[in-house]
Amino acid sequence: MTRNEIEEKVREFLIDDLEIDEDKIKGDAMLKDDMGIDSLDFVDIVVIVEKKFGFKIKPEEMVDVKTLNQFCDYIEKKVN
């Protein structure tokens, strides 16, 4: 899966499932501070990522993931 495909899928579920404003979805956006993703949203993200990308997110692997780019990097490492 290419980086562009990953970014598109992530963008899609952020807008459609988490109802995040499209203007807030930028690579350097902070997941928590800029996009407003909270712990309840993260539970949804775990389920969505498992369904769309085929792997389970391990919370301990997400400790240093702060931005959207870092989140996409994490997914890219897992699927490729």
Protein backbone atom coordinates (compact mmCIF):
# COMPACT_ATOMS: atom_id res chain seq x y z
CA MET A 1 0.00 0.00 0.00
CA THR A 2 1.44 3.40 -0.97
CA ARG A 3 1.80 6.33 1.38
CA ASN A 4 -0.83 8.24 -0.63
CA GLU A 5 -3.32 5.38 -0.27
CA ILE A 6 -2.72 5.29 3.48
CA GLU A 7 -3.12 9.06 3.83
CA GLU A 8 -6.33 8.98 1.78
CA LYS A 9 -7.87 6.19 3.89
CA VAL A 10 -6.90 7.97 7.11
CA ARG A 11 -8.29 11.26 5.83
CA GLU A 12 -11.53 9.51 4.83
CA PHE A 13 -12.20 7.97 8.23
CA LEU A 14 -11.20 11.12 10.11
CA ILE A 15 -13.82 13.08 8.15
CA ASP A 16 -16.53 10.42 7.82
CA ASP A 17 -16.29 8.48 11.09
CA LEU A 18 -14.82 10.97 13.56
CA GLU A 19 -16.37 14.05 11.92
CA ILE A 20 -13.17 16.06 12.06
CA ASP A 21 -13.25 19.28 10.06
CA GLU A 22 -11.39 18.77 6.78
CA ASP A 23 -9.48 22.04 7.31
CA LYS A 24 -7.86 20.60 10.45
CA ILE A 25 -6.46 17.55 8.66
CA LYS A 26 -2.88 18.48 7.84
CA GLY A 27 0.27 16.40 8.07
CA ASP A 28 1.81 18.39 10.89
CA ALA A 29 -1.48 18.72 12.82
CA MET A 30 -1.33 17.47 16.40
CA LEU A 31 -3.86 14.65 16.81
CA LYS A 32 -4.96 15.78 20.25
CA ASP A 33 -4.43 19.56 20.29
CA ASP A 34 -5.17 20.54 16.68
CA MET A 35 -7.65 17.87 15.62
CA GLY A 36 -9.34 17.31 18.98
CA ILE A 37 -8.92 13.53 19.03
CA ASP A 38 -9.56 12.28 22.57
CA SER A 39 -9.35 8.87 24.25
CA LEU A 40 -12.87 7.91 23.15
CA ASP A 41 -12.02 8.78 19.54
CA PHE A 42 -8.88 6.66 19.87
CA VAL A 43 -11.03 3.62 20.72
CA ASP A 44 -12.89 4.19 17.43
CA ILE A 45 -9.59 4.64 15.58
CA VAL A 46 -8.33 1.27 16.85
CA VAL A 47 -11.43 -0.46 15.45
CA ILE A 48 -11.32 1.46 12.15
CA VAL A 49 -7.61 0.81 11.58
CA GLU A 50 -8.08 -2.89 12.24
CA LYS A 51 -10.91 -3.01 9.70
CA LYS A 52 -9.28 -0.85 6.99
CA PHE A 53 -5.62 -1.84 7.38
CA GLY A 54 -5.79 -5.32 8.91
CA PHE A 55 -3.73 -4.93 12.08
CA LYS A 56 -4.31 -4.09 15.73
CA ILE A 57 -2.87 -0.92 17.20
CA LYS A 58 -0.86 -1.53 20.34
CA PRO A 59 -1.23 1.45 22.70
CA GLU A 60 2.41 1.23 23.79
CA GLU A 61 3.49 1.72 20.15
CA MET A 62 1.46 4.93 19.93
CA VAL A 63 3.15 6.72 22.84
CA ASP A 64 5.33 8.90 20.60
CA VAL A 65 2.73 9.42 17.87
CA LYS A 66 1.65 13.04 18.18
CA THR A 67 0.98 14.29 14.64
CA LEU A 68 -1.01 13.05 11.68
CA ASN A 69 2.23 12.41 9.75
CA GLN A 70 3.56 10.26 12.60
CA PHE A 71 0.28 8.34 12.67
CA CYS A 72 0.53 7.68 8.92
CA ASP A 73 4.20 6.67 9.37
CA TYR A 74 3.11 4.17 12.02
CA ILE A 75 0.46 2.67 9.73
CA GLU A 76 2.88 2.57 6.79
CA LYS A 77 5.43 0.59 8.84
CA LYS A 78 2.76 -1.89 9.92
CA VAL A 79 1.23 -2.57 6.50
CA ASN A 80 4.41 -2.65 4.42
